[in-house]
Amino acid sequence: QVQLVESGGGLVQPGESLRLSCAATGNIFSINDIGWYRQAPGKQRELVATSTSTGNTNYADSVKGRFAISRDNAKKTVYLQMNSLKPEDTAVYHCHMQVVVIAGWVPGGPSYDEEDYWGQGIQVTVSS
């Protein structure tokens, strides 16, 4: 069973930085698309940043130039570096991974499945 565990959140002042981490555990063959999303109180979940397996990235306009998504495939971990934080960045942040797992064995080798997983969410609060 694959699980995603987020860390690195907390309370910071405006202008400060945080780095969120999302580590995957389980029998993962490879990681394809990754992403970070956030949900503020009373609002819908929104995309923060995504990255494909080929390195194409996409950022919400509100975080462009301040946030950076990255990954370490060997560690099965994705990151979100958040700089120049603003009070409006306050939210629960969720990571997403599209992973490839070995589903079984067939004549000639393993068979693979692509599956989507979400982290449980981590609070980021920006306040003076």
C-alpha atoms as a PDB file:
ATOM      1  CA  GLN A   1       0.000   0.000   0.000  1.00  0.00           C
ATOM      2  CA  VAL A   2       1.384   3.399  -0.970  1.00  0.00           C
ATOM      3  CA  GLN A   3       1.185   6.263   1.497  1.00  0.00           C
ATOM      4  CA  LEU A   4       2.266   9.888   1.227  1.00  0.00           C
ATOM      5  CA  VAL A   5       3.492  11.680   4.331  1.00  0.00           C
ATOM      6  CA  GLU A   6       3.881  15.460   4.307  1.00  0.00           C
ATOM      7  CA  SER A   7       6.124  17.494   6.580  1.00  0.00           C
ATOM      8  CA  GLY A   8       7.587  20.958   6.898  1.00  0.00           C
ATOM      9  CA  GLY A   9       4.510  23.047   7.549  1.00  0.00           C
ATOM     10  CA  GLY A  10       4.015  25.463  10.387  1.00  0.00           C
ATOM     11  CA  LEU A  11       3.561  29.077  11.388  1.00  0.00           C
ATOM     12  CA  VAL A  12       5.748  31.724   9.799  1.00  0.00           C
ATOM     13  CA  GLN A  13       5.730  35.489   9.411  1.00  0.00           C
ATOM     14  CA  PRO A  14       5.099  37.234   6.106  1.00  0.00           C
ATOM     15  CA  GLY A  15       8.201  37.263   3.927  1.00  0.00           C
ATOM     16  CA  GLU A  16       9.640  34.105   5.421  1.00  0.00           C
ATOM     17  CA  SER A  17      10.171  30.733   3.748  1.00  0.00           C
ATOM     18  CA  LEU A  18       9.128  27.133   4.240  1.00  0.00           C
ATOM     19  CA  ARG A  19       9.923  23.918   2.439  1.00  0.00           C
ATOM     20  CA  LEU A  20       7.268  21.236   2.341  1.00  0.00           C
ATOM     21  CA  SER A  21       8.231  17.616   1.800  1.00  0.00           C
ATOM     22  CA  CYS A  22       6.089  14.696   0.730  1.00  0.00           C
ATOM     23  CA  ALA A  23       7.628  11.258   1.102  1.00  0.00           C
ATOM     24  CA  ALA A  24       6.091   8.167  -0.434  1.00  0.00           C
ATOM     25  CA  THR A  25       6.292   4.761   1.165  1.00  0.00           C
ATOM     26  CA  GLY A  26       5.364   1.467  -0.398  1.00  0.00           C
ATOM     27  CA  ASN A  27       6.242  -0.600  -3.399  1.00  0.00           C
ATOM     28  CA  ILE A  28       6.666   2.130  -6.004  1.00  0.00           C
ATOM     29  CA  PHE A  29       8.336   1.397  -9.308  1.00  0.00           C
ATOM     30  CA  SER A  30       8.449   5.003 -10.510  1.00  0.00           C
ATOM     31  CA  ILE A  31       6.820   8.408 -10.036  1.00  0.00           C
ATOM     32  CA  ASN A  32       5.155  10.205 -12.903  1.00  0.00           C
ATOM     33  CA  ASP A  33       3.283  13.478 -12.402  1.00  0.00           C
ATOM     34  CA  ILE A  34       3.490  15.265  -9.057  1.00  0.00           C
ATOM     35  CA  GLY A  35       1.679  18.228  -7.615  1.00  0.00           C
ATOM     36  CA  TRP A  36       0.861  20.414  -4.656  1.00  0.00           C
ATOM     37  CA  TYR A  37      -2.612  21.737  -3.975  1.00  0.00           C
ATOM     38  CA  ARG A  38      -3.997  23.839  -1.152  1.00  0.00           C
ATOM     39  CA  GLN A  39      -7.293  24.568   0.497  1.00  0.00           C
ATOM     40  CA  ALA A  40      -7.956  27.634   2.582  1.00  0.00           C
ATOM     41  CA  PRO A  41     -10.885  27.806   5.034  1.00  0.00           C
ATOM     42  CA  GLY A  42     -14.147  28.302   3.185  1.00  0.00           C
ATOM     43  CA  LYS A  43     -12.530  27.914  -0.215  1.00  0.00           C
ATOM     44  CA  GLN A  44     -12.188  25.147  -2.759  1.00  0.00           C
ATOM     45  CA  ARG A  45      -8.973  23.204  -3.209  1.00  0.00           C
ATOM     46  CA  GLU A  46      -6.742  24.902  -5.768  1.00  0.00           C
ATOM     47  CA  LEU A  47      -3.690  23.945  -7.741  1.00  0.00           C
ATOM     48  CA  VAL A  48      -0.420  25.382  -6.482  1.00  0.00           C
ATOM     49  CA  ALA A  49       2.176  23.657  -8.657  1.00  0.00           C
ATOM     50  CA  THR A  50       2.525  20.557 -10.786  1.00  0.00           C
ATOM     51  CA  SER A  51       5.383  18.834 -12.532  1.00  0.00           C
ATOM     52  CA  THR A  52       5.359  16.069 -15.108  1.00  0.00           C
ATOM     53  CA  SER A  53       7.811  13.196 -15.275  1.00  0.00           C
ATOM     54  CA  THR A  54       9.569  15.026 -18.112  1.00  0.00           C
ATOM     55  CA  GLY A  55      10.069  18.121 -16.000  1.00  0.00           C
ATOM     56  CA  ASN A  56       7.358  20.412 -17.322  1.00  0.00           C
ATOM     57  CA  THR A  57       6.081  22.594 -14.494  1.00  0.00           C
ATOM     58  CA  ASN A  58       2.966  24.646 -13.998  1.00  0.00           C
ATOM     59  CA  TYR A  59       2.284  27.182 -11.249  1.00  0.00           C
ATOM     60  CA  ALA A  60      -0.708  29.108 -10.070  1.00  0.00           C
ATOM     61  CA  ASP A  61      -0.341  32.772 -10.988  1.00  0.00           C
ATOM     62  CA  SER A  62      -0.455  33.720  -7.312  1.00  0.00           C
ATOM     63  CA  VAL A  63       2.730  31.766  -6.523  1.00  0.00           C
ATOM     64  CA  LYS A  64       4.804  32.205  -9.694  1.00  0.00           C
ATOM     65  CA  GLY A  65       8.279  33.421  -8.888  1.00  0.00           C
ATOM     66  CA  ARG A  66       7.907  32.573  -5.198  1.00  0.00           C
ATOM     67  CA  PHE A  67       7.296  28.815  -5.083  1.00  0.00           C
ATOM     68  CA  ALA A  68       9.241  25.967  -6.694  1.00  0.00           C
ATOM     69  CA  ILE A  69       8.271  22.324  -7.034  1.00  0.00           C
ATOM     70  CA  SER A  70      10.933  19.639  -7.234  1.00  0.00           C
ATOM     71  CA  ARG A  71      11.446  15.936  -6.723  1.00  0.00           C
ATOM     72  CA  ASP A  72      14.015  13.378  -5.664  1.00  0.00           C
ATOM     73  CA  ASN A  73      13.009  10.142  -7.350  1.00  0.00           C
ATOM     74  CA  ALA A  74      15.583   8.093  -5.480  1.00  0.00           C
ATOM     75  CA  LYS A  75      14.100   9.238  -2.170  1.00  0.00           C
ATOM     76  CA  LYS A  76      10.518   9.043  -3.517  1.00  0.00           C
ATOM     77  CA  THR A  77      10.038  12.556  -2.229  1.00  0.00           C
ATOM     78  CA  VAL A  78       8.626  15.734  -3.684  1.00  0.00           C
ATOM     79  CA  TYR A  79       9.193  19.221  -2.362  1.00  0.00           C
ATOM     80  CA  LEU A  80       7.602  22.626  -2.452  1.00  0.00           C
ATOM     81  CA  GLN A  81       9.945  25.501  -1.686  1.00  0.00           C
ATOM     82  CA  MET A  82       7.881  28.501  -0.642  1.00  0.00           C
ATOM     83  CA  ASN A  83       9.566  31.890  -0.438  1.00  0.00           C
ATOM     84  CA  SER A  84       8.260  35.363   0.324  1.00  0.00           C
ATOM     85  CA  LEU A  85       5.209  33.888   1.990  1.00  0.00           C
ATOM     86  CA  LYS A  86       2.079  36.001   2.276  1.00  0.00           C
ATOM     87  CA  PRO A  87      -0.921  35.732   4.604  1.00  0.00           C
ATOM     88  CA  GLU A  88      -3.021  34.646   1.620  1.00  0.00           C
ATOM     89  CA  ASP A  89      -0.813  31.554   1.307  1.00  0.00           C
ATOM     90  CA  THR A  90      -2.338  30.278   4.540  1.00  0.00           C
ATOM     91  CA  ALA A  91      -3.991  26.935   3.815  1.00  0.00           C
ATOM     92  CA  VAL A  92      -3.776  23.190   4.201  1.00  0.00           C
ATOM     93  CA  TYR A  93      -1.366  21.919   1.563  1.00  0.00           C
ATOM     94  CA  HIS A  94      -1.782  18.495  -0.038  1.00  0.00           C
ATOM     95  CA  CYS A  95       0.697  16.649  -2.197  1.00  0.00           C
ATOM     96  CA  HIS A  96      -0.280  14.408  -5.088  1.00  0.00           C
ATOM     97  CA  MET A  97       1.710  11.722  -6.827  1.00  0.00           C
ATOM     98  CA  GLN A  98       0.914   9.615  -9.835  1.00  0.00           C
ATOM     99  CA  VAL A  99       2.949   6.480  -9.296  1.00  0.00           C
ATOM    100  CA  VAL A 100       3.641   3.282 -11.150  1.00  0.00           C
ATOM    101  CA  VAL A 101       3.422   0.125  -9.094  1.00  0.00           C
ATOM    102  CA  ILE A 102       4.079  -3.492  -9.906  1.00  0.00           C
ATOM    103  CA  ALA A 103       0.623  -5.012 -10.098  1.00  0.00           C
ATOM    104  CA  GLY A 104       1.607  -8.594 -10.677  1.00  0.00           C
ATOM    105  CA  TRP A 105       3.626 -10.978 -12.731  1.00  0.00           C
ATOM    106  CA  VAL A 106       2.922 -12.284 -16.190  1.00  0.00           C
ATOM    107  CA  PRO A 107       4.997 -14.500 -18.466  1.00  0.00           C
ATOM    108  CA  GLY A 108       7.995 -12.402 -19.391  1.00  0.00           C
ATOM    109  CA  GLY A 109       8.019 -10.080 -16.419  1.00  0.00           C
ATOM    110  CA  PRO A 110       6.013  -7.739 -14.207  1.00  0.00           C
ATOM    111  CA  SER A 111       2.827  -5.947 -15.071  1.00  0.00           C
ATOM    112  CA  TYR A 112       2.387  -2.341 -14.017  1.00  0.00           C
ATOM    113  CA  ASP A 113      -0.442  -0.111 -12.886  1.00  0.00           C
ATOM    114  CA  GLU A 114      -0.551   3.666 -12.642  1.00  0.00           C
ATOM    115  CA  GLU A 115      -2.203   4.927  -9.465  1.00  0.00           C
ATOM    116  CA  ASP A 116      -2.946   8.292  -7.862  1.00  0.00           C
ATOM    117  CA  TYR A 117      -2.274   9.101  -4.223  1.00  0.00           C
ATOM    118  CA  TRP A 118      -2.800  12.112  -1.980  1.00  0.00           C
ATOM    119  CA  GLY A 119      -1.171  13.184   1.235  1.00  0.00           C
ATOM    120  CA  GLN A 120      -3.237  13.860   4.322  1.00  0.00           C
ATOM    121  CA  GLY A 121      -2.534  17.576   4.229  1.00  0.00           C
ATOM    122  CA  ILE A 122      -0.310  19.877   6.251  1.00  0.00           C
ATOM    123  CA  GLN A 123      -1.094  23.293   7.678  1.00  0.00           C
ATOM    124  CA  VAL A 124       0.803  26.365   6.575  1.00  0.00           C
ATOM    125  CA  THR A 125      -0.038  29.576   8.414  1.00  0.00           C
ATOM    126  CA  VAL A 126       1.448  32.932   7.475  1.00  0.00           C
ATOM    127  CA  SER A 127       0.749  35.583  10.061  1.00  0.00           C
ATOM    128  CA  SER A 128       2.465  38.389  11.901  1.00  0.00           C
END
